[in-house]
Amino acid sequence: MKTNKLIKVVLIICCIATLISCAPQGYTKHSSGFLEGLWHGIIIVFSVIGKLIGKNVGIYAEHNTGVTYWLGFILGLGILGGGGSSARR
């Protein structure tokens, strides 16, 4: 029984580490567009966790395309928060 819990904890830690690695890095020079903004909005929780444990991750991409990136970022936050269904309650 304890082995199953240990395996679950290790898998959860591996999943969180993988998602933190997808967070925007501070040293990239390419422009981020709508889809990257959408992804960064969805994984914002993991970006914050990475930032809190001292990794060099950003909350958003510094070199973004402007309005399209922010539109994707805001939509990603909405997807994470449940969208309109949670606002209805």
PDB file of N, CA and C in Angstrom:
ATOM      1  N   MET A   1       0.817  -1.200   0.000  1.00  0.00           N
ATOM      2  CA  MET A   1       0.000   0.000   0.000  1.00  0.00           C
ATOM      3  C   MET A   1       0.860   1.264   0.000  1.00  0.00           C
ATOM      4  N   LYS A   2       1.916   1.257   0.814  1.00  0.00           N
ATOM      5  CA  LYS A   2       2.793   2.423   0.867  1.00  0.00           C
ATOM      6  C   LYS A   2       3.554   2.608  -0.440  1.00  0.00           C
ATOM      7  N   THR A   3       3.846   1.496  -1.121  1.00  0.00           N
ATOM      8  CA  THR A   3       4.547   1.583  -2.398  1.00  0.00           C
ATOM      9  C   THR A   3       3.692   2.294  -3.436  1.00  0.00           C
ATOM     10  N   ASN A   4       2.389   2.028  -3.461  1.00  0.00           N
ATOM     11  CA  ASN A   4       1.498   2.693  -4.412  1.00  0.00           C
ATOM     12  C   ASN A   4       1.439   4.194  -4.159  1.00  0.00           C
ATOM     13  N   LYS A   5       1.406   4.606  -2.893  1.00  0.00           N
ATOM     14  CA  LYS A   5       1.388   6.036  -2.576  1.00  0.00           C
ATOM     15  C   LYS A   5       2.694   6.692  -2.991  1.00  0.00           C
ATOM     16  N   LEU A   6       3.807   5.994  -2.765  1.00  0.00           N
ATOM     17  CA  LEU A   6       5.106   6.531  -3.150  1.00  0.00           C
ATOM     18  C   LEU A   6       5.199   6.699  -4.661  1.00  0.00           C
ATOM     19  N   ILE A   7       4.701   5.733  -5.395  1.00  0.00           N
ATOM     20  CA  ILE A   7       4.713   5.824  -6.858  1.00  0.00           C
ATOM     21  C   ILE A   7       3.858   6.991  -7.324  1.00  0.00           C
ATOM     22  N   LYS A   8       2.691   7.185  -6.712  1.00  0.00           N
ATOM     23  CA  LYS A   8       1.827   8.311  -7.080  1.00  0.00           C
ATOM     24  C   LYS A   8       2.497   9.642  -6.800  1.00  0.00           C
ATOM     25  N   VAL A   9       3.170   9.760  -5.655  1.00  0.00           N
ATOM     26  CA  VAL A   9       3.852  11.008  -5.305  1.00  0.00           C
ATOM     27  C   VAL A   9       4.984  11.291  -6.294  1.00  0.00           C
ATOM     28  N   VAL A  10       5.746  10.260  -6.637  1.00  0.00           N
ATOM     29  CA  VAL A  10       6.837  10.435  -7.590  1.00  0.00           C
ATOM     30  C   VAL A  10       6.295  10.839  -8.955  1.00  0.00           C
ATOM     31  N   LEU A  11       5.210  10.236  -9.394  1.00  0.00           N
ATOM     32  CA  LEU A  11       4.611  10.605 -10.677  1.00  0.00           C
ATOM     33  C   LEU A  11       4.094  12.043 -10.670  1.00  0.00           C
ATOM     34  N   ILE A  12       3.494  12.457  -9.586  1.00  0.00           N
ATOM     35  CA  ILE A  12       3.011  13.835  -9.481  1.00  0.00           C
ATOM     36  C   ILE A  12       4.169  14.814  -9.526  1.00  0.00           C
ATOM     37  N   ILE A  13       5.238  14.519  -8.813  1.00  0.00           N
ATOM     38  CA  ILE A  13       6.419  15.390  -8.823  1.00  0.00           C
ATOM     39  C   ILE A  13       7.023  15.454 -10.220  1.00  0.00           C
ATOM     40  N   CYS A  14       7.083  14.329 -10.910  1.00  0.00           N
ATOM     41  CA  CYS A  14       7.612  14.314 -12.279  1.00  0.00           C
ATOM     42  C   CYS A  14       6.738  15.139 -13.224  1.00  0.00           C
ATOM     43  N   CYS A  15       5.424  15.033 -13.070  1.00  0.00           N
ATOM     44  CA  CYS A  15       4.508  15.820 -13.910  1.00  0.00           C
ATOM     45  C   CYS A  15       4.665  17.313 -13.654  1.00  0.00           C
ATOM     46  N   ILE A  16       4.782  17.700 -12.399  1.00  0.00           N
ATOM     47  CA  ILE A  16       4.965  19.119 -12.066  1.00  0.00           C
ATOM     48  C   ILE A  16       6.293  19.625 -12.606  1.00  0.00           C
ATOM     49  N   ALA A  17       7.348  18.833 -12.468  1.00  0.00           N
ATOM     50  CA  ALA A  17       8.655  19.240 -12.996  1.00  0.00           C
ATOM     51  C   ALA A  17       8.625  19.385 -14.512  1.00  0.00           C
ATOM     52  N   THR A  18       7.900  18.505 -15.179  1.00  0.00           N
ATOM     53  CA  THR A  18       7.783  18.593 -16.628  1.00  0.00           C
ATOM     54  C   THR A  18       7.032  19.852 -17.040  1.00  0.00           C
ATOM     55  N   LEU A  19       5.960  20.164 -16.348  1.00  0.00           N
ATOM     56  CA  LEU A  19       5.195  21.368 -16.690  1.00  0.00           C
ATOM     57  C   LEU A  19       5.953  22.640 -16.341  1.00  0.00           C
ATOM     58  N   ILE A  20       6.754  22.617 -15.281  1.00  0.00           N
ATOM     59  CA  ILE A  20       7.583  23.785 -14.957  1.00  0.00           C
ATOM     60  C   ILE A  20       8.593  24.024 -16.067  1.00  0.00           C
ATOM     61  N   SER A  21       9.106  22.956 -16.653  1.00  0.00           N
ATOM     62  CA  SER A  21      10.086  23.119 -17.721  1.00  0.00           C
ATOM     63  C   SER A  21       9.473  23.735 -18.975  1.00  0.00           C
ATOM     64  N   CYS A  22       8.151  23.710 -19.095  1.00  0.00           N
ATOM     65  CA  CYS A  22       7.470  24.325 -20.232  1.00  0.00           C
ATOM     66  C   CYS A  22       7.230  25.813 -20.025  1.00  0.00           C
ATOM     67  N   ALA A  23       7.522  26.322 -18.854  1.00  0.00           N
ATOM     68  CA  ALA A  23       7.292  27.734 -18.545  1.00  0.00           C
ATOM     69  C   ALA A  23       8.257  28.605 -19.346  1.00  0.00           C
ATOM     70  N   PRO A  24       7.876  29.846 -19.613  1.00  0.00           N
ATOM     71  CA  PRO A  24       8.745  30.722 -20.392  1.00  0.00           C
ATOM     72  C   PRO A  24      10.054  30.997 -19.673  1.00  0.00           C
ATOM     73  N   GLN A  25      11.152  30.894 -20.396  1.00  0.00           N
ATOM     74  CA  GLN A  25      12.470  31.162 -19.844  1.00  0.00           C
ATOM     75  C   GLN A  25      12.841  32.611 -20.131  1.00  0.00           C
ATOM     76  N   GLY A  26      13.696  33.176 -19.311  1.00  0.00           N
ATOM     77  CA  GLY A  26      14.056  34.580 -19.455  1.00  0.00           C
ATOM     78  C   GLY A  26      15.083  34.860 -20.531  1.00  0.00           C
ATOM     79  N   TYR A  27      15.697  33.832 -21.128  1.00  0.00           N
ATOM     80  CA  TYR A  27      16.797  34.052 -22.038  1.00  0.00           C
ATOM     81  C   TYR A  27      16.461  33.776 -23.498  1.00  0.00           C
ATOM     82  N   THR A  28      15.221  33.520 -23.836  1.00  0.00           N
ATOM     83  CA  THR A  28      14.870  33.251 -25.230  1.00  0.00           C
ATOM     84  C   THR A  28      14.686  34.555 -25.986  1.00  0.00           C
ATOM     85  N   LYS A  29      15.019  34.529 -27.269  1.00  0.00           N
ATOM     86  CA  LYS A  29      14.923  35.731 -28.096  1.00  0.00           C
ATOM     87  C   LYS A  29      13.836  35.637 -29.156  1.00  0.00           C
ATOM     88  N   HIS A  30      13.180  34.470 -29.315  1.00  0.00           N
ATOM     89  CA  HIS A  30      12.152  34.358 -30.344  1.00  0.00           C
ATOM     90  C   HIS A  30      10.845  34.961 -29.841  1.00  0.00           C
ATOM     91  N   SER A  31      10.026  35.396 -30.778  1.00  0.00           N
ATOM     92  CA  SER A  31       8.744  36.002 -30.419  1.00  0.00           C
ATOM     93  C   SER A  31       7.712  34.925 -30.124  1.00  0.00           C
ATOM     94  N   SER A  32       6.936  35.145 -29.096  1.00  0.00           N
ATOM     95  CA  SER A  32       5.877  34.212 -28.720  1.00  0.00           C
ATOM     96  C   SER A  32       4.550  34.752 -29.229  1.00  0.00           C
ATOM     97  N   GLY A  33       3.762  33.890 -29.853  1.00  0.00           N
ATOM     98  CA  GLY A  33       2.486  34.284 -30.428  1.00  0.00           C
ATOM     99  C   GLY A  33       1.300  33.794 -29.620  1.00  0.00           C
ATOM    100  N   PHE A  34       0.180  33.654 -30.309  1.00  0.00           N
ATOM    101  CA  PHE A  34      -1.085  33.307 -29.665  1.00  0.00           C
ATOM    102  C   PHE A  34      -1.037  31.952 -28.965  1.00  0.00           C
ATOM    103  N   LEU A  35      -0.548  30.917 -29.660  1.00  0.00           N
ATOM    104  CA  LEU A  35      -0.557  29.577 -29.088  1.00  0.00           C
ATOM    105  C   LEU A  35       0.363  29.460 -27.878  1.00  0.00           C
ATOM    106  N   GLU A  36       1.513  30.125 -27.921  1.00  0.00           N
ATOM    107  CA  GLU A  36       2.389  30.106 -26.753  1.00  0.00           C
ATOM    108  C   GLU A  36       1.772  30.884 -25.594  1.00  0.00           C
ATOM    109  N   GLY A  37       1.067  31.959 -25.897  1.00  0.00           N
ATOM    110  CA  GLY A  37       0.358  32.691 -24.859  1.00  0.00           C
ATOM    111  C   GLY A  37      -0.737  31.852 -24.229  1.00  0.00           C
ATOM    112  N   LEU A  38      -1.434  31.090 -25.056  1.00  0.00           N
ATOM    113  CA  LEU A  38      -2.465  30.189 -24.553  1.00  0.00           C
ATOM    114  C   LEU A  38      -1.851  29.145 -23.619  1.00  0.00           C
ATOM    115  N   TRP A  39      -0.746  28.544 -24.038  1.00  0.00           N
ATOM    116  CA  TRP A  39      -0.078  27.539 -23.217  1.00  0.00           C
ATOM    117  C   TRP A  39       0.449  28.148 -21.919  1.00  0.00           C
ATOM    118  N   HIS A  40       1.047  29.329 -21.985  1.00  0.00           N
ATOM    119  CA  HIS A  40       1.570  29.973 -20.778  1.00  0.00           C
ATOM    120  C   HIS A  40       0.449  30.336 -19.811  1.00  0.00           C
ATOM    121  N   GLY A  41      -0.724  30.650 -20.322  1.00  0.00           N
ATOM    122  CA  GLY A  41      -1.869  30.914 -19.454  1.00  0.00           C
ATOM    123  C   GLY A  41      -2.368  29.659 -18.764  1.00  0.00           C
ATOM    124  N   ILE A  42      -2.330  28.534 -19.481  1.00  0.00           N
ATOM    125  CA  ILE A  42      -2.801  27.277 -18.895  1.00  0.00           C
ATOM    126  C   ILE A  42      -1.855  26.789 -17.806  1.00  0.00           C
ATOM    127  N   ILE A  43      -0.537  26.951 -18.005  1.00  0.00           N
ATOM    128  CA  ILE A  43       0.423  26.414 -17.031  1.00  0.00           C
ATOM    129  C   ILE A  43       0.898  27.466 -16.032  1.00  0.00           C
ATOM    130  N   ILE A  44       0.144  28.524 -15.840  1.00  0.00           N
ATOM    131  CA  ILE A  44       0.550  29.607 -14.943  1.00  0.00           C
ATOM    132  C   ILE A  44       0.786  29.120 -13.515  1.00  0.00           C
ATOM    133  N   VAL A  45      -0.011  28.179 -13.049  1.00  0.00           N
ATOM    134  CA  VAL A  45       0.153  27.675 -11.681  1.00  0.00           C
ATOM    135  C   VAL A  45       1.523  27.025 -11.523  1.00  0.00           C
ATOM    136  N   PHE A  46       1.936  26.256 -12.528  1.00  0.00           N
ATOM    137  CA  PHE A  46       3.222  25.582 -12.459  1.00  0.00           C
ATOM    138  C   PHE A  46       4.373  26.570 -12.628  1.00  0.00           C
ATOM    139  N   SER A  47       4.156  27.635 -13.384  1.00  0.00           N
ATOM    140  CA  SER A  47       5.169  28.674 -13.500  1.00  0.00           C
ATOM    141  C   SER A  47       5.393  29.371 -12.160  1.00  0.00           C
ATOM    142  N   VAL A  48       4.308  29.624 -11.451  1.00  0.00           N
ATOM    143  CA  VAL A  48       4.419  30.263 -10.132  1.00  0.00           C
ATOM    144  C   VAL A  48       5.135  29.333  -9.151  1.00  0.00           C
ATOM    145  N   ILE A  49       4.818  28.037  -9.201  1.00  0.00           N
ATOM    146  CA  ILE A  49       5.505  27.073  -8.328  1.00  0.00           C
ATOM    147  C   ILE A  49       6.994  27.067  -8.643  1.00  0.00           C
ATOM    148  N   GLY A  50       7.351  27.056  -9.915  1.00  0.00           N
ATOM    149  CA  GLY A  50       8.758  27.092 -10.301  1.00  0.00           C
ATOM    150  C   GLY A  50       9.445  28.353  -9.838  1.00  0.00           C
ATOM    151  N   LYS A  51       8.756  29.464  -9.935  1.00  0.00           N
ATOM    152  CA  LYS A  51       9.315  30.748  -9.483  1.00  0.00           C
ATOM    153  C   LYS A  51       9.537  30.732  -7.971  1.00  0.00           C
ATOM    154  N   LEU A  52       8.600  30.138  -7.233  1.00  0.00           N
ATOM    155  CA  LEU A  52       8.714  30.093  -5.776  1.00  0.00           C
ATOM    156  C   LEU A  52       9.851  29.196  -5.302  1.00  0.00           C
ATOM    157  N   ILE A  53      10.150  28.124  -6.047  1.00  0.00           N
ATOM    158  CA  ILE A  53      11.236  27.255  -5.612  1.00  0.00           C
ATOM    159  C   ILE A  53      12.583  27.703  -6.159  1.00  0.00           C
ATOM    160  N   GLY A  54      12.612  28.828  -6.850  1.00  0.00           N
ATOM    161  CA  GLY A  54      13.878  29.447  -7.226  1.00  0.00           C
ATOM    162  C   GLY A  54      14.375  29.151  -8.624  1.00  0.00           C
ATOM    163  N   LYS A  55      13.564  28.574  -9.473  1.00  0.00           N
ATOM    164  CA  LYS A  55      13.979  28.315 -10.856  1.00  0.00           C
ATOM    165  C   LYS A  55      13.919  29.612 -11.658  1.00  0.00           C
ATOM    166  N   ASN A  56      14.696  29.654 -12.732  1.00  0.00           N
ATOM    167  CA  ASN A  56      14.723  30.833 -13.592  1.00  0.00           C
ATOM    168  C   ASN A  56      13.622  30.721 -14.639  1.00  0.00           C
ATOM    169  N   VAL A  57      12.378  30.845 -14.207  1.00  0.00           N
ATOM    170  CA  VAL A  57      11.239  30.807 -15.111  1.00  0.00           C
ATOM    171  C   VAL A  57      10.481  32.116 -14.999  1.00  0.00           C
ATOM    172  N   GLY A  58       9.826  32.467 -16.074  1.00  0.00           N
ATOM    173  CA  GLY A  58       9.021  33.668 -16.073  1.00  0.00           C
ATOM    174  C   GLY A  58       7.544  33.339 -16.017  1.00  0.00           C
ATOM    175  N   ILE A  59       6.760  34.325 -15.685  1.00  0.00           N
ATOM    176  CA  ILE A  59       5.321  34.135 -15.656  1.00  0.00           C
ATOM    177  C   ILE A  59       4.755  34.321 -17.065  1.00  0.00           C
ATOM    178  N   TYR A  60       5.361  35.157 -17.857  1.00  0.00           N
ATOM    179  CA  TYR A  60       4.956  35.391 -19.240  1.00  0.00           C
ATOM    180  C   TYR A  60       6.225  35.559 -20.075  1.00  0.00           C
ATOM    181  N   ALA A  61       6.095  35.462 -21.391  1.00  0.00           N
ATOM    182  CA  ALA A  61       7.238  35.592 -22.287  1.00  0.00           C
ATOM    183  C   ALA A  61       7.575  37.067 -22.465  1.00  0.00           C
ATOM    184  N   GLU A  62       8.839  37.402 -22.295  1.00  0.00           N
ATOM    185  CA  GLU A  62       9.255  38.804 -22.463  1.00  0.00           C
ATOM    186  C   GLU A  62       9.162  39.249 -23.915  1.00  0.00           C
ATOM    187  N   HIS A  63       9.560  38.397 -24.834  1.00  0.00           N
ATOM    188  CA  HIS A  63       9.541  38.733 -26.262  1.00  0.00           C
ATOM    189  C   HIS A  63       8.282  38.151 -26.879  1.00  0.00           C
ATOM    190  N   ASN A  64       7.177  38.875 -26.718  1.00  0.00           N
ATOM    191  CA  ASN A  64       5.912  38.395 -27.260  1.00  0.00           C
ATOM    192  C   ASN A  64       5.459  39.285 -28.404  1.00  0.00           C
ATOM    193  N   THR A  65       4.429  38.849 -29.097  1.00  0.00           N
ATOM    194  CA  THR A  65       3.959  39.580 -30.272  1.00  0.00           C
ATOM    195  C   THR A  65       2.927  40.652 -29.939  1.00  0.00           C
ATOM    196  N   GLY A  66       2.655  40.849 -28.674  1.00  0.00           N
ATOM    197  CA  GLY A  66       1.743  41.914 -28.276  1.00  0.00           C
ATOM    198  C   GLY A  66       0.344  41.423 -28.005  1.00  0.00           C
ATOM    199  N   VAL A  67      -0.622  41.976 -28.731  1.00  0.00           N
ATOM    200  CA  VAL A  67      -2.036  41.720 -28.473  1.00  0.00           C
ATOM    201  C   VAL A  67      -2.385  40.244 -28.648  1.00  0.00           C
ATOM    202  N   THR A  68      -1.830  39.598 -29.658  1.00  0.00           N
ATOM    203  CA  THR A  68      -2.177  38.189 -29.884  1.00  0.00           C
ATOM    204  C   THR A  68      -1.665  37.307 -28.751  1.00  0.00           C
ATOM    205  N   TYR A  69      -0.462  37.587 -28.256  1.00  0.00           N
ATOM    206  CA  TYR A  69       0.064  36.805 -27.134  1.00  0.00           C
ATOM    207  C   TYR A  69      -0.807  36.999 -25.894  1.00  0.00           C
ATOM    208  N   TRP A  70      -1.139  38.249 -25.597  1.00  0.00           N
ATOM    209  CA  TRP A  70      -1.932  38.518 -24.391  1.00  0.00           C
ATOM    210  C   TRP A  70      -3.344  37.972 -24.501  1.00  0.00           C
ATOM    211  N   LEU A  71      -3.903  37.957 -25.712  1.00  0.00           N
ATOM    212  CA  LEU A  71      -5.218  37.350 -25.910  1.00  0.00           C
ATOM    213  C   LEU A  71      -5.153  35.852 -25.595  1.00  0.00           C
ATOM    214  N   GLY A  72      -4.131  35.173 -26.105  1.00  0.00           N
ATOM    215  CA  GLY A  72      -3.953  33.759 -25.797  1.00  0.00           C
ATOM    216  C   GLY A  72      -3.698  33.523 -24.319  1.00  0.00           C
ATOM    217  N   PHE A  73      -2.934  34.399 -23.689  1.00  0.00           N
ATOM    218  CA  PHE A  73      -2.625  34.272 -22.264  1.00  0.00           C
ATOM    219  C   PHE A  73      -3.901  34.392 -21.428  1.00  0.00           C
ATOM    220  N   ILE A  74      -4.723  35.378 -21.727  1.00  0.00           N
ATOM    221  CA  ILE A  74      -5.969  35.583 -20.987  1.00  0.00           C
ATOM    222  C   ILE A  74      -6.937  34.427 -21.232  1.00  0.00           C
ATOM    223  N   LEU A  75      -7.013  33.935 -22.463  1.00  0.00           N
ATOM    224  CA  LEU A  75      -7.864  32.777 -22.743  1.00  0.00           C
ATOM    225  C   LEU A  75      -7.360  31.540 -21.998  1.00  0.00           C
ATOM    226  N   GLY A  76      -6.053  31.374 -21.908  1.00  0.00           N
ATOM    227  CA  GLY A  76      -5.487  30.257 -21.158  1.00  0.00           C
ATOM    228  C   GLY A  76      -5.818  30.345 -19.681  1.00  0.00           C
ATOM    229  N   LEU A  77      -5.784  31.540 -19.128  1.00  0.00           N
ATOM    230  CA  LEU A  77      -6.193  31.718 -17.737  1.00  0.00           C
ATOM    231  C   LEU A  77      -7.664  31.376 -17.555  1.00  0.00           C
ATOM    232  N   GLY A  78      -8.481  31.734 -18.536  1.00  0.00           N
ATOM    233  CA  GLY A  78      -9.909  31.408 -18.475  1.00  0.00           C
ATOM    234  C   GLY A  78     -10.163  29.919 -18.562  1.00  0.00           C
ATOM    235  N   ILE A  79      -9.377  29.242 -19.400  1.00  0.00           N
ATOM    236  CA  ILE A  79      -9.501  27.784 -19.499  1.00  0.00           C
ATOM    237  C   ILE A  79      -9.125  27.145 -18.178  1.00  0.00           C
ATOM    238  N   LEU A  80      -8.072  27.634 -17.565  1.00  0.00           N
ATOM    239  CA  LEU A  80      -7.614  27.089 -16.285  1.00  0.00           C
ATOM    240  C   LEU A  80      -8.655  27.322 -15.200  1.00  0.00           C
ATOM    241  N   GLY A  81      -9.278  28.483 -15.186  1.00  0.00           N
ATOM    242  CA  GLY A  81     -10.234  28.817 -14.151  1.00  0.00           C
ATOM    243  C   GLY A  81     -11.624  28.262 -14.366  1.00  0.00           C
ATOM    244  N   GLY A  82     -11.864  27.550 -15.433  1.00  0.00           N
ATOM    245  CA  GLY A  82     -13.167  26.961 -15.671  1.00  0.00           C
ATOM    246  C   GLY A  82     -14.031  27.733 -16.650  1.00  0.00           C
ATOM    247  N   GLY A  83     -13.537  28.863 -17.115  1.00  0.00           N
ATOM    248  CA  GLY A  83     -14.280  29.628 -18.114  1.00  0.00           C
ATOM    249  C   GLY A  83     -15.561  30.225 -17.566  1.00  0.00           C
ATOM    250  N   GLY A  84     -16.563  30.291 -18.414  1.00  0.00           N
ATOM    251  CA  GLY A  84     -17.831  30.908 -18.046  1.00  0.00           C
ATOM    252  C   GLY A  84     -18.670  30.074 -17.086  1.00  0.00           C
ATOM    253  N   SER A  85     -18.426  28.759 -17.032  1.00  0.00           N
ATOM    254  CA  SER A  85     -19.243  27.917 -16.177  1.00  0.00           C
ATOM    255  C   SER A  85     -19.008  28.225 -14.701  1.00  0.00           C
ATOM    256  N   SER A  86     -17.779  28.593 -14.329  1.00  0.00           N
ATOM    257  CA  SER A  86     -17.530  28.925 -12.929  1.00  0.00           C
ATOM    258  C   SER A  86     -18.050  30.324 -12.594  1.00  0.00           C
ATOM    259  N   ALA A  87     -18.152  31.193 -13.577  1.00  0.00           N
ATOM    260  CA  ALA A  87     -18.677  32.530 -13.344  1.00  0.00           C
ATOM    261  C   ALA A  87     -20.196  32.506 -13.164  1.00  0.00           C
ATOM    262  N   ARG A  88     -20.828  31.502 -13.728  1.00  0.00           N
ATOM    263  CA  ARG A  88     -22.273  31.381 -13.653  1.00  0.00           C
ATOM    264  C   ARG A  88     -22.746  31.076 -12.238  1.00  0.00           C
ATOM    265  N   ARG A  89     -21.932  30.368 -11.473  1.00  0.00           N
ATOM    266  CA  ARG A  89     -22.333  29.995 -10.116  1.00  0.00           C
ATOM    267  C   ARG A  89     -22.361  31.189  -9.273  1.00  0.00           C
TER     268      ARG A  89
END
